[in-house]
Structure formats: structure tokens, C-alpha cells
Amino acid sequence: MAGGQCLLLTGFFGDQLHRRHNLDWYSGIGAGFYAAAAALSSVAAHRRMMAHMASRFDYWRGSHLRLSRELRVQRYLLM
């Protein structure tokens, strides 16, 4: 859960929070949470998924940031 919270904070809400918080630090912590979940999991599929999330955390962070920006622009198009 902590890794997901860090992903949401640094990705989706990154534009709003980057002036007040060190998002790179939170990103590193988030990737660490996913790596710890991978190391502690007893299910092989879960281990692989958590390890993948840890290794590609910056990719997912960027995806969430792009989604946030697109939704912010498109809200004017939908009205």
C-alpha cells in the first residue's frame, strides 16, 4: 500500500506537489517498498510483479503524470 501511495503522490499529483516536496526522494522510497514486497512475498507471480514495479517505478510515475495532465486538459473538452 505504501508503494502505491508514493506512486500516486509522485505521479498523479506530481505537478501540484513538486514545489513543496522532494518527489525524487518519495519515488525512491516507493520503489523500495515494491522491492521489499517482492522480497517478502511467498507467491512467485506476486514477487515478479512487485519486482517489475520496483524496477520500472519511474516509468509508472511518468505514466501517471501524463494521465493527470491529459485529464486536466480534457476536462474542458468534455463540457
N, C-alpha and C. Protein backbone atom coordinates (compact mmCIF):
# COMPACT_ATOMS: atom_id res chain seq x y z
N MET A 1 0.82 -1.19 0.00
CA MET A 1 0.00 0.00 0.00
C MET A 1 0.87 1.25 0.00
N ALA A 2 1.97 1.20 0.72
CA ALA A 2 2.83 2.39 0.81
C ALA A 2 3.45 2.71 -0.55
N GLY A 3 3.82 1.68 -1.32
CA GLY A 3 4.36 1.91 -2.66
C GLY A 3 3.34 2.56 -3.56
N GLY A 4 2.10 2.12 -3.48
CA GLY A 4 1.03 2.71 -4.28
C GLY A 4 0.77 4.16 -3.90
N GLN A 5 0.84 4.46 -2.62
CA GLN A 5 0.65 5.84 -2.17
C GLN A 5 1.77 6.74 -2.69
N CYS A 6 3.00 6.23 -2.68
CA CYS A 6 4.12 7.01 -3.21
C CYS A 6 3.97 7.22 -4.72
N LEU A 7 3.47 6.20 -5.41
CA LEU A 7 3.24 6.32 -6.85
C LEU A 7 2.19 7.37 -7.14
N LEU A 8 1.11 7.36 -6.40
CA LEU A 8 0.06 8.34 -6.58
C LEU A 8 0.56 9.76 -6.27
N LEU A 9 1.31 9.91 -5.19
CA LEU A 9 1.83 11.21 -4.80
C LEU A 9 2.80 11.76 -5.84
N THR A 10 3.76 10.95 -6.25
CA THR A 10 4.81 11.45 -7.16
C THR A 10 4.37 11.48 -8.60
N GLY A 11 3.38 10.67 -8.96
CA GLY A 11 2.93 10.62 -10.35
C GLY A 11 1.73 11.50 -10.60
N PHE A 12 0.58 11.05 -10.17
CA PHE A 12 -0.67 11.74 -10.49
C PHE A 12 -0.72 13.15 -9.91
N PHE A 13 -0.21 13.33 -8.70
CA PHE A 13 -0.23 14.65 -8.06
C PHE A 13 1.12 15.35 -8.11
N GLY A 14 2.01 14.89 -8.95
CA GLY A 14 3.36 15.44 -9.02
C GLY A 14 3.41 16.92 -9.37
N ASP A 15 2.59 17.37 -10.32
CA ASP A 15 2.60 18.78 -10.69
C ASP A 15 2.20 19.69 -9.54
N GLN A 16 1.27 19.24 -8.73
CA GLN A 16 0.80 20.06 -7.63
C GLN A 16 1.78 20.07 -6.45
N LEU A 17 2.56 19.01 -6.29
CA LEU A 17 3.36 18.87 -5.08
C LEU A 17 4.86 19.08 -5.27
N HIS A 18 5.33 19.21 -6.51
CA HIS A 18 6.78 19.24 -6.72
C HIS A 18 7.46 20.46 -6.13
N ARG A 19 6.75 21.54 -5.90
CA ARG A 19 7.37 22.73 -5.31
C ARG A 19 7.58 22.59 -3.81
N ARG A 20 6.74 21.80 -3.17
CA ARG A 20 6.79 21.68 -1.71
C ARG A 20 7.48 20.41 -1.22
N HIS A 21 7.56 19.39 -2.08
CA HIS A 21 8.10 18.11 -1.64
C HIS A 21 9.17 17.62 -2.61
N ASN A 22 10.10 16.86 -2.09
CA ASN A 22 11.14 16.25 -2.91
C ASN A 22 10.59 14.95 -3.49
N LEU A 23 10.04 15.04 -4.69
CA LEU A 23 9.37 13.88 -5.28
C LEU A 23 10.33 12.77 -5.66
N ASP A 24 11.58 13.11 -5.95
CA ASP A 24 12.56 12.06 -6.24
C ASP A 24 12.82 11.20 -5.01
N TRP A 25 12.82 11.82 -3.85
CA TRP A 25 13.01 11.07 -2.61
C TRP A 25 11.85 10.12 -2.39
N TYR A 26 10.62 10.62 -2.56
CA TYR A 26 9.44 9.77 -2.41
C TYR A 26 9.41 8.67 -3.47
N SER A 27 9.91 8.97 -4.65
CA SER A 27 9.98 7.96 -5.71
C SER A 27 10.91 6.82 -5.31
N GLY A 28 12.05 7.18 -4.75
CA GLY A 28 12.99 6.16 -4.28
C GLY A 28 12.41 5.29 -3.18
N ILE A 29 11.70 5.92 -2.29
CA ILE A 29 11.06 5.17 -1.20
C ILE A 29 9.98 4.24 -1.77
N GLY A 30 9.19 4.74 -2.72
CA GLY A 30 8.14 3.93 -3.34
C GLY A 30 8.71 2.69 -4.02
N ALA A 31 9.78 2.89 -4.78
CA ALA A 31 10.43 1.75 -5.44
C ALA A 31 10.96 0.77 -4.39
N GLY A 32 11.47 1.29 -3.29
CA GLY A 32 11.95 0.44 -2.20
C GLY A 32 10.84 -0.38 -1.55
N PHE A 33 9.67 0.22 -1.41
CA PHE A 33 8.54 -0.52 -0.86
C PHE A 33 8.15 -1.68 -1.77
N TYR A 34 8.13 -1.43 -3.07
CA TYR A 34 7.80 -2.51 -4.01
C TYR A 34 8.88 -3.59 -3.98
N ALA A 35 10.15 -3.20 -3.88
CA ALA A 35 11.23 -4.18 -3.81
C ALA A 35 11.12 -5.02 -2.54
N ALA A 36 10.77 -4.38 -1.43
CA ALA A 36 10.60 -5.13 -0.18
C ALA A 36 9.43 -6.09 -0.27
N ALA A 37 8.34 -5.66 -0.91
CA ALA A 37 7.19 -6.55 -1.09
C ALA A 37 7.58 -7.75 -1.94
N ALA A 38 8.41 -7.52 -2.95
CA ALA A 38 8.87 -8.62 -3.80
C ALA A 38 9.72 -9.60 -3.00
N ALA A 39 10.58 -9.07 -2.16
CA ALA A 39 11.47 -9.94 -1.38
C ALA A 39 10.71 -10.75 -0.34
N LEU A 40 9.62 -10.22 0.17
CA LEU A 40 8.90 -10.88 1.26
C LEU A 40 7.74 -11.77 0.78
N SER A 41 7.40 -11.70 -0.48
CA SER A 41 6.26 -12.46 -0.98
C SER A 41 6.60 -13.94 -1.14
N SER A 42 5.63 -14.78 -0.83
CA SER A 42 5.84 -16.22 -1.00
C SER A 42 5.25 -16.74 -2.32
N VAL A 43 4.52 -15.89 -3.03
CA VAL A 43 3.90 -16.27 -4.30
C VAL A 43 4.77 -15.77 -5.45
N ALA A 44 5.17 -16.66 -6.33
CA ALA A 44 6.12 -16.31 -7.40
C ALA A 44 5.57 -15.21 -8.32
N ALA A 45 4.31 -15.28 -8.69
CA ALA A 45 3.73 -14.27 -9.59
C ALA A 45 3.70 -12.90 -8.91
N HIS A 46 3.40 -12.89 -7.64
CA HIS A 46 3.40 -11.63 -6.89
C HIS A 46 4.81 -11.07 -6.79
N ARG A 47 5.79 -11.92 -6.54
CA ARG A 47 7.20 -11.50 -6.48
C ARG A 47 7.62 -10.85 -7.78
N ARG A 48 7.28 -11.48 -8.90
CA ARG A 48 7.65 -10.93 -10.21
C ARG A 48 7.00 -9.58 -10.45
N MET A 49 5.71 -9.47 -10.13
CA MET A 49 5.01 -8.22 -10.36
C MET A 49 5.58 -7.09 -9.49
N MET A 50 5.83 -7.37 -8.23
CA MET A 50 6.38 -6.35 -7.33
C MET A 50 7.80 -5.96 -7.75
N ALA A 51 8.60 -6.92 -8.19
CA ALA A 51 9.95 -6.62 -8.66
C ALA A 51 9.89 -5.77 -9.93
N HIS A 52 8.94 -6.07 -10.79
CA HIS A 52 8.76 -5.28 -12.01
C HIS A 52 8.35 -3.85 -11.66
N MET A 53 7.43 -3.69 -10.73
CA MET A 53 7.01 -2.34 -10.30
C MET A 53 8.18 -1.58 -9.70
N ALA A 54 9.01 -2.25 -8.92
CA ALA A 54 10.17 -1.59 -8.31
C ALA A 54 11.17 -1.15 -9.37
N SER A 55 11.43 -1.99 -10.35
CA SER A 55 12.44 -1.66 -11.36
C SER A 55 11.94 -0.62 -12.36
N ARG A 56 10.64 -0.52 -12.54
CA ARG A 56 10.07 0.42 -13.51
C ARG A 56 9.24 1.51 -12.84
N PHE A 57 9.55 1.84 -11.60
CA PHE A 57 8.77 2.81 -10.85
C PHE A 57 8.73 4.16 -11.56
N ASP A 58 9.86 4.60 -12.10
CA ASP A 58 9.88 5.89 -12.79
C ASP A 58 9.02 5.89 -14.05
N TYR A 59 8.95 4.76 -14.73
CA TYR A 59 8.08 4.66 -15.90
C TYR A 59 6.62 4.85 -15.47
N TRP A 60 6.19 4.15 -14.42
CA TRP A 60 4.82 4.26 -13.95
C TRP A 60 4.53 5.65 -13.40
N ARG A 61 5.53 6.22 -12.77
CA ARG A 61 5.38 7.58 -12.27
C ARG A 61 5.12 8.55 -13.42
N GLY A 62 5.89 8.42 -14.49
CA GLY A 62 5.69 9.26 -15.68
C GLY A 62 4.35 9.02 -16.35
N SER A 63 3.90 7.78 -16.36
CA SER A 63 2.59 7.46 -16.94
C SER A 63 1.46 8.13 -16.17
N HIS A 64 1.57 8.09 -14.84
CA HIS A 64 0.55 8.73 -14.01
C HIS A 64 0.58 10.25 -14.18
N LEU A 65 1.77 10.82 -14.32
CA LEU A 65 1.89 12.26 -14.51
C LEU A 65 1.27 12.68 -15.84
N ARG A 66 1.53 11.92 -16.90
CA ARG A 66 0.92 12.23 -18.21
C ARG A 66 -0.60 12.10 -18.16
N LEU A 67 -1.09 11.07 -17.49
CA LEU A 67 -2.53 10.90 -17.34
C LEU A 67 -3.15 12.09 -16.62
N SER A 68 -2.53 12.52 -15.56
CA SER A 68 -3.03 13.67 -14.81
C SER A 68 -3.11 14.91 -15.69
N ARG A 69 -2.07 15.14 -16.47
CA ARG A 69 -2.05 16.31 -17.36
C ARG A 69 -3.10 16.21 -18.45
N GLU A 70 -3.26 15.02 -19.03
CA GLU A 70 -4.27 14.84 -20.07
C GLU A 70 -5.68 15.04 -19.53
N LEU A 71 -5.94 14.52 -18.35
CA LEU A 71 -7.27 14.68 -17.76
C LEU A 71 -7.55 16.13 -17.40
N ARG A 72 -6.52 16.86 -16.99
CA ARG A 72 -6.69 18.27 -16.67
C ARG A 72 -7.06 19.07 -17.92
N VAL A 73 -6.46 18.74 -19.06
CA VAL A 73 -6.76 19.44 -20.31
C VAL A 73 -8.10 19.00 -20.87
N GLN A 74 -8.39 17.72 -20.81
CA GLN A 74 -9.62 17.20 -21.42
C GLN A 74 -10.87 17.55 -20.66
N ARG A 75 -10.77 17.95 -19.42
CA ARG A 75 -12.00 18.30 -18.70
C ARG A 75 -12.69 19.48 -19.36
N TYR A 76 -11.92 20.35 -20.03
CA TYR A 76 -12.53 21.47 -20.73
C TYR A 76 -13.16 21.02 -22.04
N LEU A 77 -12.67 19.95 -22.61
CA LEU A 77 -13.21 19.44 -23.87
C LEU A 77 -14.52 18.69 -23.66
N LEU A 78 -14.71 18.14 -22.48
CA LEU A 78 -15.91 17.34 -22.21
C LEU A 78 -17.12 18.20 -21.88
N MET A 79 -16.93 19.40 -21.46
CA MET A 79 -18.04 20.25 -21.04
C MET A 79 -18.65 20.92 -22.19
